[in-house]
């Protein structure tokens, strides 16, 4: 009888594990417009500027996270912190960007 109870408990546990839905992880979608600008000085190419424009929702999230003085705008120090965070996150990709 004990074996039957153990088997029943084991089957119930297995059924519970398979009946439980898997964990769901959401992937945030960020809409961005990116462009590359040429920096030209005295008729010579002196650099490249990456210009990114993000959607309102992502921009609001950045504002909430980095606006330390809560004035609803990012001052130079706050923007510098955003820049440091972005550079840190793209460093793992060796700053790769495909230009076509």
PDB file of N, CA and C in Angstrom:
ATOM      1  N   UNK A   1       0.810  -1.193   0.000  1.00  0.00           N
ATOM      2  CA  UNK A   1       0.000   0.000   0.000  1.00  0.00           C
ATOM      3  C   UNK A   1       0.856   1.261   0.000  1.00  0.00           C
ATOM      4  N   UNK A   2       1.977   1.190   0.733  1.00  0.00           N
ATOM      5  CA  UNK A   2       2.863   2.346   0.791  1.00  0.00           C
ATOM      6  C   UNK A   2       3.430   2.660  -0.591  1.00  0.00           C
ATOM      7  N   UNK A   3       3.751   1.643  -1.368  1.00  0.00           N
ATOM      8  CA  UNK A   3       4.274   1.837  -2.715  1.00  0.00           C
ATOM      9  C   UNK A   3       3.245   2.527  -3.597  1.00  0.00           C
ATOM     10  N   UNK A   4       1.983   2.158  -3.444  1.00  0.00           N
ATOM     11  CA  UNK A   4       0.917   2.776  -4.236  1.00  0.00           C
ATOM     12  C   UNK A   4       0.783   4.260  -3.897  1.00  0.00           C
ATOM     13  N   UNK A   5       0.882   4.598  -2.606  1.00  0.00           N
ATOM     14  CA  UNK A   5       0.797   6.014  -2.210  1.00  0.00           C
ATOM     15  C   UNK A   5       1.989   6.804  -2.733  1.00  0.00           C
ATOM     16  N   UNK A   6       3.177   6.192  -2.673  1.00  0.00           N
ATOM     17  CA  UNK A   6       4.381   6.857  -3.171  1.00  0.00           C
ATOM     18  C   UNK A   6       4.276   7.084  -4.673  1.00  0.00           C
ATOM     19  N   UNK A   7       3.792   6.065  -5.379  1.00  0.00           N
ATOM     20  CA  UNK A   7       3.631   6.197  -6.829  1.00  0.00           C
ATOM     21  C   UNK A   7       2.603   7.267  -7.162  1.00  0.00           C
ATOM     22  N   UNK A   8       1.501   7.292  -6.421  1.00  0.00           N
ATOM     23  CA  UNK A   8       0.458   8.296  -6.650  1.00  0.00           C
ATOM     24  C   UNK A   8       0.991   9.698  -6.369  1.00  0.00           C
ATOM     25  N   UNK A   9       1.743   9.840  -5.293  1.00  0.00           N
ATOM     26  CA  UNK A   9       2.326  11.149  -4.967  1.00  0.00           C
ATOM     27  C   UNK A   9       3.314  11.573  -6.046  1.00  0.00           C
ATOM     28  N   UNK A  10       4.107  10.624  -6.527  1.00  0.00           N
ATOM     29  CA  UNK A  10       5.069  10.933  -7.592  1.00  0.00           C
ATOM     30  C   UNK A  10       4.377  11.362  -8.869  1.00  0.00           C
ATOM     31  N   UNK A  11       3.301  10.658  -9.226  1.00  0.00           N
ATOM     32  CA  UNK A  11       2.535  11.030 -10.423  1.00  0.00           C
ATOM     33  C   UNK A  11       1.887  12.401 -10.259  1.00  0.00           C
ATOM     34  N   UNK A  12       1.367  12.676  -9.074  1.00  0.00           N
ATOM     35  CA  UNK A  12       0.748  13.982  -8.822  1.00  0.00           C
ATOM     36  C   UNK A  12       1.781  15.101  -8.932  1.00  0.00           C
ATOM     37  N   UNK A  13       2.966  14.856  -8.395  1.00  0.00           N
ATOM     38  CA  UNK A  13       4.034  15.852  -8.484  1.00  0.00           C
ATOM     39  C   UNK A  13       4.436  16.087  -9.934  1.00  0.00           C
ATOM     40  N   UNK A  14       4.615  14.998 -10.684  1.00  0.00           N
ATOM     41  CA  UNK A  14       4.994  15.120 -12.096  1.00  0.00           C
ATOM     42  C   UNK A  14       3.915  15.846 -12.884  1.00  0.00           C
ATOM     43  N   UNK A  15       2.650  15.511 -12.629  1.00  0.00           N
ATOM     44  CA  UNK A  15       1.547  16.179 -13.324  1.00  0.00           C
ATOM     45  C   UNK A  15       1.529  17.665 -12.987  1.00  0.00           C
ATOM     46  N   UNK A  16       1.781  17.981 -11.722  1.00  0.00           N
ATOM     47  CA  UNK A  16       1.822  19.385 -11.314  1.00  0.00           C
ATOM     48  C   UNK A  16       2.935  20.156 -11.993  1.00  0.00           C
ATOM     49  N   UNK A  17       4.084  19.515 -12.142  1.00  0.00           N
ATOM     50  CA  UNK A  17       5.205  20.186 -12.805  1.00  0.00           C
ATOM     51  C   UNK A  17       4.911  20.449 -14.271  1.00  0.00           C
ATOM     52  N   UNK A  18       4.286  19.463 -14.942  1.00  0.00           N
ATOM     53  CA  UNK A  18       3.997  19.633 -16.362  1.00  0.00           C
ATOM     54  C   UNK A  18       2.800  20.536 -16.599  1.00  0.00           C
ATOM     55  N   UNK A  19       1.902  20.626 -15.637  1.00  0.00           N
ATOM     56  CA  UNK A  19       0.714  21.460 -15.786  1.00  0.00           C
ATOM     57  C   UNK A  19       1.002  22.925 -15.484  1.00  0.00           C
ATOM     58  N   UNK A  20       2.106  23.202 -14.822  1.00  0.00           N
ATOM     59  CA  UNK A  20       2.460  24.572 -14.471  1.00  0.00           C
ATOM     60  C   UNK A  20       2.988  25.292 -15.710  1.00  0.00           C
ATOM     61  N   UNK A  21       2.435  26.435 -16.052  1.00  0.00           N
ATOM     62  CA  UNK A  21       2.945  27.152 -17.222  1.00  0.00           C
ATOM     63  C   UNK A  21       4.377  27.619 -16.979  1.00  0.00           C
ATOM     64  N   UNK A  22       5.168  27.680 -18.036  1.00  0.00           N
ATOM     65  CA  UNK A  22       6.552  28.127 -17.875  1.00  0.00           C
ATOM     66  C   UNK A  22       6.610  29.612 -17.531  1.00  0.00           C
ATOM     67  N   UNK A  23       7.703  30.022 -16.968  1.00  0.00           N
ATOM     68  CA  UNK A  23       7.897  31.438 -16.656  1.00  0.00           C
ATOM     69  C   UNK A  23       7.923  32.233 -17.954  1.00  0.00           C
ATOM     70  N   UNK A  24       7.360  33.399 -17.913  1.00  0.00           N
ATOM     71  CA  UNK A  24       7.311  34.257 -19.090  1.00  0.00           C
ATOM     72  C   UNK A  24       8.195  35.458 -18.831  1.00  0.00           C
ATOM     73  N   UNK A  25       9.038  35.760 -19.785  1.00  0.00           N
ATOM     74  CA  UNK A  25       9.885  36.943 -19.683  1.00  0.00           C
ATOM     75  C   UNK A  25       9.567  37.863 -20.844  1.00  0.00           C
ATOM     76  N   UNK A  26       9.274  39.093 -20.532  1.00  0.00           N
ATOM     77  CA  UNK A  26       8.959  40.059 -21.576  1.00  0.00           C
ATOM     78  C   UNK A  26      10.233  40.692 -22.095  1.00  0.00           C
ATOM     79  N   UNK A  27      10.263  40.923 -23.380  1.00  0.00           N
ATOM     80  CA  UNK A  27      11.386  41.640 -23.977  1.00  0.00           C
ATOM     81  C   UNK A  27      10.895  43.034 -24.332  1.00  0.00           C
ATOM     82  N   UNK A  28      11.477  44.039 -23.738  1.00  0.00           N
ATOM     83  CA  UNK A  28      11.012  45.393 -24.052  1.00  0.00           C
ATOM     84  C   UNK A  28      11.381  45.774 -25.485  1.00  0.00           C
ATOM     85  N   UNK A  29      10.468  46.406 -26.125  1.00  0.00           N
ATOM     86  CA  UNK A  29      10.726  46.878 -27.481  1.00  0.00           C
ATOM     87  C   UNK A  29      10.944  48.380 -27.424  1.00  0.00           C
ATOM     88  N   UNK A  30      11.995  48.805 -28.033  1.00  0.00           N
ATOM     89  CA  UNK A  30      12.336  50.219 -28.059  1.00  0.00           C
ATOM     90  C   UNK A  30      12.357  50.650 -29.515  1.00  0.00           C
ATOM     91  N   UNK A  31      11.596  51.657 -29.812  1.00  0.00           N
ATOM     92  CA  UNK A  31      11.595  52.188 -31.167  1.00  0.00           C
ATOM     93  C   UNK A  31      12.620  53.308 -31.219  1.00  0.00           C
ATOM     94  N   UNK A  32      13.511  53.211 -32.179  1.00  0.00           N
ATOM     95  CA  UNK A  32      14.584  54.204 -32.269  1.00  0.00           C
ATOM     96  C   UNK A  32      14.825  54.580 -33.718  1.00  0.00           C
ATOM     97  N   UNK A  33      15.162  55.812 -33.898  1.00  0.00           N
ATOM     98  CA  UNK A  33      15.615  56.312 -35.195  1.00  0.00           C
ATOM     99  C   UNK A  33      17.093  56.615 -35.013  1.00  0.00           C
ATOM    100  N   UNK A  34      17.910  56.059 -35.868  1.00  0.00           N
ATOM    101  CA  UNK A  34      19.355  56.284 -35.745  1.00  0.00           C
ATOM    102  C   UNK A  34      19.878  56.836 -37.060  1.00  0.00           C
ATOM    103  N   UNK A  35      20.804  57.750 -36.947  1.00  0.00           N
ATOM    104  CA  UNK A  35      21.446  58.262 -38.162  1.00  0.00           C
ATOM    105  C   UNK A  35      22.894  58.590 -37.845  1.00  0.00           C
ATOM    106  N   UNK A  36      23.662  58.663 -38.868  1.00  0.00           N
ATOM    107  CA  UNK A  36      25.079  58.968 -38.738  1.00  0.00           C
ATOM    108  C   UNK A  36      25.324  60.322 -39.388  1.00  0.00           C
ATOM    109  N   UNK A  37      25.937  61.224 -38.657  1.00  0.00           N
ATOM    110  CA  UNK A  37      26.267  62.545 -39.196  1.00  0.00           C
ATOM    111  C   UNK A  37      27.771  62.652 -39.366  1.00  0.00           C
ATOM    112  N   UNK A  38      28.174  63.294 -40.439  1.00  0.00           N
ATOM    113  CA  UNK A  38      29.595  63.525 -40.680  1.00  0.00           C
ATOM    114  C   UNK A  38      30.001  64.844 -40.039  1.00  0.00           C
ATOM    115  N   UNK A  39      31.066  64.833 -39.291  1.00  0.00           N
ATOM    116  CA  UNK A  39      31.614  66.063 -38.708  1.00  0.00           C
ATOM    117  C   UNK A  39      32.717  66.534 -39.656  1.00  0.00           C
ATOM    118  N   UNK A  40      32.516  67.701 -40.233  1.00  0.00           N
ATOM    119  CA  UNK A  40      33.468  68.219 -41.217  1.00  0.00           C
ATOM    120  C   UNK A  40      33.996  69.565 -40.736  1.00  0.00           C
ATOM    121  N   UNK A  41      35.311  69.688 -40.703  1.00  0.00           N
ATOM    122  CA  UNK A  41      35.974  70.926 -40.319  1.00  0.00           C
ATOM    123  C   UNK A  41      36.952  71.297 -41.424  1.00  0.00           C
ATOM    124  N   UNK A  42      36.843  72.521 -41.913  1.00  0.00           N
ATOM    125  CA  UNK A  42      37.710  73.003 -42.990  1.00  0.00           C
ATOM    126  C   UNK A  42      37.715  72.049 -44.180  1.00  0.00           C
ATOM    127  N   UNK A  43      36.540  71.533 -44.517  1.00  0.00           N
ATOM    128  CA  UNK A  43      36.413  70.651 -45.671  1.00  0.00           C
ATOM    129  C   UNK A  43      36.948  69.243 -45.463  1.00  0.00           C
ATOM    130  N   UNK A  44      37.338  68.908 -44.233  1.00  0.00           N
ATOM    131  CA  UNK A  44      37.885  67.575 -43.959  1.00  0.00           C
ATOM    132  C   UNK A  44      36.990  66.843 -42.972  1.00  0.00           C
ATOM    133  N   UNK A  45      36.852  65.551 -43.197  1.00  0.00           N
ATOM    134  CA  UNK A  45      36.093  64.719 -42.280  1.00  0.00           C
ATOM    135  C   UNK A  45      36.886  64.574 -40.988  1.00  0.00           C
ATOM    136  N   UNK A  46      36.301  65.041 -39.895  1.00  0.00           N
ATOM    137  CA  UNK A  46      37.007  64.991 -38.610  1.00  0.00           C
ATOM    138  C   UNK A  46      36.377  64.019 -37.617  1.00  0.00           C
ATOM    139  N   UNK A  47      35.220  63.500 -37.966  1.00  0.00           N
ATOM    140  CA  UNK A  47      34.591  62.553 -37.051  1.00  0.00           C
ATOM    141  C   UNK A  47      33.230  62.116 -37.538  1.00  0.00           C
ATOM    142  N   UNK A  48      32.672  61.196 -36.796  1.00  0.00           N
ATOM    143  CA  UNK A  48      31.331  60.691 -37.054  1.00  0.00           C
ATOM    144  C   UNK A  48      30.510  60.868 -35.789  1.00  0.00           C
ATOM    145  N   UNK A  49      29.263  61.291 -35.954  1.00  0.00           N
ATOM    146  CA  UNK A  49      28.363  61.442 -34.814  1.00  0.00           C
ATOM    147  C   UNK A  49      27.206  60.470 -34.973  1.00  0.00           C
ATOM    148  N   UNK A  50      26.966  59.710 -33.939  1.00  0.00           N
ATOM    149  CA  UNK A  50      25.812  58.819 -33.914  1.00  0.00           C
ATOM    150  C   UNK A  50      24.676  59.572 -33.238  1.00  0.00           C
ATOM    151  N   UNK A  51      23.579  59.733 -33.938  1.00  0.00           N
ATOM    152  CA  UNK A  51      22.426  60.444 -33.397  1.00  0.00           C
ATOM    153  C   UNK A  51      21.288  59.434 -33.261  1.00  0.00           C
ATOM    154  N   UNK A  52      20.804  59.264 -32.048  1.00  0.00           N
ATOM    155  CA  UNK A  52      19.716  58.327 -31.774  1.00  0.00           C
ATOM    156  C   UNK A  52      18.526  59.106 -31.243  1.00  0.00           C
ATOM    157  N   UNK A  53      17.361  58.814 -31.778  1.00  0.00           N
ATOM    158  CA  UNK A  53      16.117  59.423 -31.298  1.00  0.00           C
ATOM    159  C   UNK A  53      15.198  58.274 -30.893  1.00  0.00           C
ATOM    160  N   UNK A  54      14.759  58.282 -29.634  1.00  0.00           N
ATOM    161  CA  UNK A  54      13.972  57.179 -29.097  1.00  0.00           C
ATOM    162  C   UNK A  54      12.504  57.561 -28.957  1.00  0.00           C
ATOM    163  N   UNK A  55      11.665  56.538 -28.863  1.00  0.00           N
ATOM    164  CA  UNK A  55      10.227  56.747 -28.706  1.00  0.00           C
ATOM    165  C   UNK A  55       9.913  57.384 -27.344  1.00  0.00           C
ATOM    166  N   UNK A  56       8.707  57.904 -27.231  1.00  0.00           N
ATOM    167  CA  UNK A  56       8.298  58.627 -26.018  1.00  0.00           C
ATOM    168  C   UNK A  56       8.319  57.753 -24.766  1.00  0.00           C
ATOM    169  N   UNK A  57       7.906  56.502 -24.895  1.00  0.00           N
ATOM    170  CA  UNK A  57       7.852  55.634 -23.708  1.00  0.00           C
ATOM    171  C   UNK A  57       9.253  55.365 -23.175  1.00  0.00           C
ATOM    172  N   UNK A  58      10.174  55.002 -24.052  1.00  0.00           N
ATOM    173  CA  UNK A  58      11.544  54.750 -23.605  1.00  0.00           C
ATOM    174  C   UNK A  58      12.167  56.034 -23.060  1.00  0.00           C
ATOM    175  N   UNK A  59      11.927  57.144 -23.742  1.00  0.00           N
ATOM    176  CA  UNK A  59      12.467  58.426 -23.284  1.00  0.00           C
ATOM    177  C   UNK A  59      11.949  58.780 -21.893  1.00  0.00           C
ATOM    178  N   UNK A  60      10.672  58.508 -21.636  1.00  0.00           N
ATOM    179  CA  UNK A  60      10.103  58.760 -20.307  1.00  0.00           C
ATOM    180  C   UNK A  60      10.766  57.889 -19.250  1.00  0.00           C
ATOM    181  N   UNK A  61      11.055  56.646 -19.615  1.00  0.00           N
ATOM    182  CA  UNK A  61      11.731  55.733 -18.690  1.00  0.00           C
ATOM    183  C   UNK A  61      13.119  56.249 -18.341  1.00  0.00           C
ATOM    184  N   UNK A  62      13.839  56.726 -19.351  1.00  0.00           N
ATOM    185  CA  UNK A  62      15.176  57.288 -19.115  1.00  0.00           C
ATOM    186  C   UNK A  62      15.071  58.507 -18.206  1.00  0.00           C
ATOM    187  N   UNK A  63      14.099  59.357 -18.462  1.00  0.00           N
ATOM    188  CA  UNK A  63      13.911  60.547 -17.632  1.00  0.00           C
ATOM    189  C   UNK A  63      13.634  60.160 -16.179  1.00  0.00           C
ATOM    190  N   UNK A  64      12.756  59.200 -15.972  1.00  0.00           N
ATOM    191  CA  UNK A  64      12.446  58.766 -14.604  1.00  0.00           C
ATOM    192  C   UNK A  64      13.666  58.197 -13.896  1.00  0.00           C
ATOM    193  N   UNK A  65      14.492  57.474 -14.631  1.00  0.00           N
ATOM    194  CA  UNK A  65      15.644  56.822 -14.013  1.00  0.00           C
ATOM    195  C   UNK A  65      16.804  57.778 -13.740  1.00  0.00           C
ATOM    196  N   UNK A  66      17.027  58.747 -14.624  1.00  0.00           N
ATOM    197  CA  UNK A  66      18.234  59.571 -14.524  1.00  0.00           C
ATOM    198  C   UNK A  66      17.996  61.003 -14.046  1.00  0.00           C
ATOM    199  N   UNK A  67      16.754  61.449 -13.960  1.00  0.00           N
ATOM    200  CA  UNK A  67      16.453  62.815 -13.515  1.00  0.00           C
ATOM    201  C   UNK A  67      16.525  62.883 -11.990  1.00  0.00           C
ATOM    202  N   UNK A  68      17.732  62.975 -11.474  1.00  0.00           N
ATOM    203  CA  UNK A  68      17.967  62.912 -10.024  1.00  0.00           C
ATOM    204  C   UNK A  68      17.348  64.081  -9.262  1.00  0.00           C
ATOM    205  N   UNK A  69      17.300  65.268  -9.889  1.00  0.00           N
ATOM    206  CA  UNK A  69      16.741  66.425  -9.188  1.00  0.00           C
ATOM    207  C   UNK A  69      15.242  66.616  -9.467  1.00  0.00           C
ATOM    208  N   UNK A  70      14.637  65.678 -10.191  1.00  0.00           N
ATOM    209  CA  UNK A  70      13.188  65.644 -10.437  1.00  0.00           C
ATOM    210  C   UNK A  70      12.624  66.936 -11.017  1.00  0.00           C
ATOM    211  N   UNK A  71      13.370  67.549 -11.951  1.00  0.00           N
ATOM    212  CA  UNK A  71      12.855  68.758 -12.589  1.00  0.00           C
ATOM    213  C   UNK A  71      12.292  68.470 -13.985  1.00  0.00           C
ATOM    214  N   UNK A  72      12.124  67.198 -14.306  1.00  0.00           N
ATOM    215  CA  UNK A  72      11.554  66.746 -15.585  1.00  0.00           C
ATOM    216  C   UNK A  72      12.371  67.131 -16.805  1.00  0.00           C
ATOM    217  N   UNK A  73      13.657  67.310 -16.619  1.00  0.00           N
ATOM    218  CA  UNK A  73      14.577  67.500 -17.742  1.00  0.00           C
ATOM    219  C   UNK A  73      15.941  67.002 -17.305  1.00  0.00           C
ATOM    220  N   UNK A  74      16.740  66.623 -18.263  1.00  0.00           N
ATOM    221  CA  UNK A  74      18.074  66.111 -17.954  1.00  0.00           C
ATOM    222  C   UNK A  74      19.095  67.226 -18.119  1.00  0.00           C
ATOM    223  N   UNK A  75      19.778  67.569 -17.032  1.00  0.00           N
ATOM    224  CA  UNK A  75      20.835  68.579 -17.117  1.00  0.00           C
ATOM    225  C   UNK A  75      22.120  67.899 -17.600  1.00  0.00           C
ATOM    226  N   UNK A  76      23.179  68.666 -17.715  1.00  0.00           N
ATOM    227  CA  UNK A  76      24.424  68.125 -18.282  1.00  0.00           C
ATOM    228  C   UNK A  76      24.970  66.941 -17.499  1.00  0.00           C
ATOM    229  N   UNK A  77      24.937  67.008 -16.186  1.00  0.00           N
ATOM    230  CA  UNK A  77      25.451  65.902 -15.366  1.00  0.00           C
ATOM    231  C   UNK A  77      24.594  64.651 -15.543  1.00  0.00           C
ATOM    232  N   UNK A  78      23.283  64.847 -15.604  1.00  0.00           N
ATOM    233  CA  UNK A  78      22.380  63.708 -15.791  1.00  0.00           C
ATOM    234  C   UNK A  78      22.553  63.100 -17.178  1.00  0.00           C
ATOM    235  N   UNK A  79      22.704  63.952 -18.193  1.00  0.00           N
ATOM    236  CA  UNK A  79      22.958  63.456 -19.549  1.00  0.00           C
ATOM    237  C   UNK A  79      24.285  62.710 -19.628  1.00  0.00           C
ATOM    238  N   UNK A  80      25.281  63.187 -18.901  1.00  0.00           N
ATOM    239  CA  UNK A  80      26.574  62.497 -18.876  1.00  0.00           C
ATOM    240  C   UNK A  80      26.416  61.099 -18.297  1.00  0.00           C
ATOM    241  N   UNK A  81      25.578  60.976 -17.270  1.00  0.00           N
ATOM    242  CA  UNK A  81      25.333  59.654 -16.673  1.00  0.00           C
ATOM    243  C   UNK A  81      24.612  58.736 -17.662  1.00  0.00           C
ATOM    244  N   UNK A  82      23.658  59.289 -18.413  1.00  0.00           N
ATOM    245  CA  UNK A  82      22.984  58.505 -19.459  1.00  0.00           C
ATOM    246  C   UNK A  82      24.018  58.029 -20.477  1.00  0.00           C
ATOM    247  N   UNK A  83      24.873  58.945 -20.915  1.00  0.00           N
ATOM    248  CA  UNK A  83      25.914  58.591 -21.882  1.00  0.00           C
ATOM    249  C   UNK A  83      26.836  57.508 -21.374  1.00  0.00           C
ATOM    250  N   UNK A  84      27.241  57.605 -20.121  1.00  0.00           N
ATOM    251  CA  UNK A  84      28.114  56.574 -19.540  1.00  0.00           C
ATOM    252  C   UNK A  84      27.426  55.214 -19.511  1.00  0.00           C
ATOM    253  N   UNK A  85      26.148  55.217 -19.185  1.00  0.00           N
ATOM    254  CA  UNK A  85      25.389  53.966 -19.146  1.00  0.00           C
ATOM    255  C   UNK A  85      25.272  53.360 -20.540  1.00  0.00           C
ATOM    256  N   UNK A  86      24.971  54.195 -21.525  1.00  0.00           N
ATOM    257  CA  UNK A  86      24.848  53.707 -22.904  1.00  0.00           C
ATOM    258  C   UNK A  86      26.181  53.162 -23.397  1.00  0.00           C
ATOM    259  N   UNK A  87      27.239  53.921 -23.188  1.00  0.00           N
ATOM    260  CA  UNK A  87      28.564  53.449 -23.643  1.00  0.00           C
ATOM    261  C   UNK A  87      28.945  52.145 -22.957  1.00  0.00           C
ATOM    262  N   UNK A  88      28.612  52.026 -21.691  1.00  0.00           N
ATOM    263  CA  UNK A  88      28.901  50.785 -20.979  1.00  0.00           C
ATOM    264  C   UNK A  88      28.124  49.606 -21.537  1.00  0.00           C
ATOM    265  N   UNK A  89      26.873  49.851 -21.920  1.00  0.00           N
ATOM    266  CA  UNK A  89      26.052  48.744 -22.414  1.00  0.00           C
ATOM    267  C   UNK A  89      26.429  48.328 -23.829  1.00  0.00           C
ATOM    268  N   UNK A  90      26.940  49.251 -24.638  1.00  0.00           N
ATOM    269  CA  UNK A  90      27.336  48.857 -25.998  1.00  0.00           C
ATOM    270  C   UNK A  90      28.795  48.426 -26.075  1.00  0.00           C
ATOM    271  N   UNK A  91      29.529  48.599 -24.994  1.00  0.00           N
ATOM    272  CA  UNK A  91      30.933  48.171 -24.981  1.00  0.00           C
ATOM    273  C   UNK A  91      31.051  46.669 -25.199  1.00  0.00           C
ATOM    274  N   UNK A  92      30.071  45.908 -24.685  1.00  0.00           N
ATOM    275  CA  UNK A  92      30.136  44.455 -24.840  1.00  0.00           C
ATOM    276  C   UNK A  92      30.025  44.038 -26.303  1.00  0.00           C
ATOM    277  N   UNK A  93      29.556  44.928 -27.164  1.00  0.00           N
ATOM    278  CA  UNK A  93      29.481  44.656 -28.600  1.00  0.00           C
ATOM    279  C   UNK A  93      30.630  45.326 -29.347  1.00  0.00           C
ATOM    280  N   UNK A  94      31.635  45.787 -28.630  1.00  0.00           N
ATOM    281  CA  UNK A  94      32.782  46.491 -29.209  1.00  0.00           C
ATOM    282  C   UNK A  94      32.341  47.708 -30.018  1.00  0.00           C
ATOM    283  N   UNK A  95      31.261  48.352 -29.563  1.00  0.00           N
ATOM    284  CA  UNK A  95      30.744  49.574 -30.185  1.00  0.00           C
ATOM    285  C   UNK A  95      30.391  49.367 -31.649  1.00  0.00           C
ATOM    286  N   UNK A  96      30.012  48.149 -32.014  1.00  0.00           N
ATOM    287  CA  UNK A  96      29.742  47.792 -33.401  1.00  0.00           C
ATOM    288  C   UNK A  96      28.475  48.464 -33.897  1.00  0.00           C
ATOM    289  N   UNK A  97      28.567  49.033 -35.087  1.00  0.00           N
ATOM    290  CA  UNK A  97      27.388  49.531 -35.783  1.00  0.00           C
ATOM    291  C   UNK A  97      27.606  49.298 -37.261  1.00  0.00           C
ATOM    292  N   UNK A  98      26.610  48.747 -37.912  1.00  0.00           N
ATOM    293  CA  UNK A  98      26.675  48.489 -39.342  1.00  0.00           C
ATOM    294  C   UNK A  98      26.226  49.742 -40.077  1.00  0.00           C
ATOM    295  N   UNK A  99      27.064  50.256 -40.944  1.00  0.00           N
ATOM    296  CA  UNK A  99      26.734  51.429 -41.745  1.00  0.00           C
ATOM    297  C   UNK A  99      26.596  50.963 -43.184  1.00  0.00           C
ATOM    298  N   UNK A 100      25.420  51.194 -43.763  1.00  0.00           N
ATOM    299  CA  UNK A 100      25.181  50.760 -45.151  1.00  0.00           C
ATOM    300  C   UNK A 100      24.932  51.951 -46.034  1.00  0.00           C
TER     301      UNK A 100
END
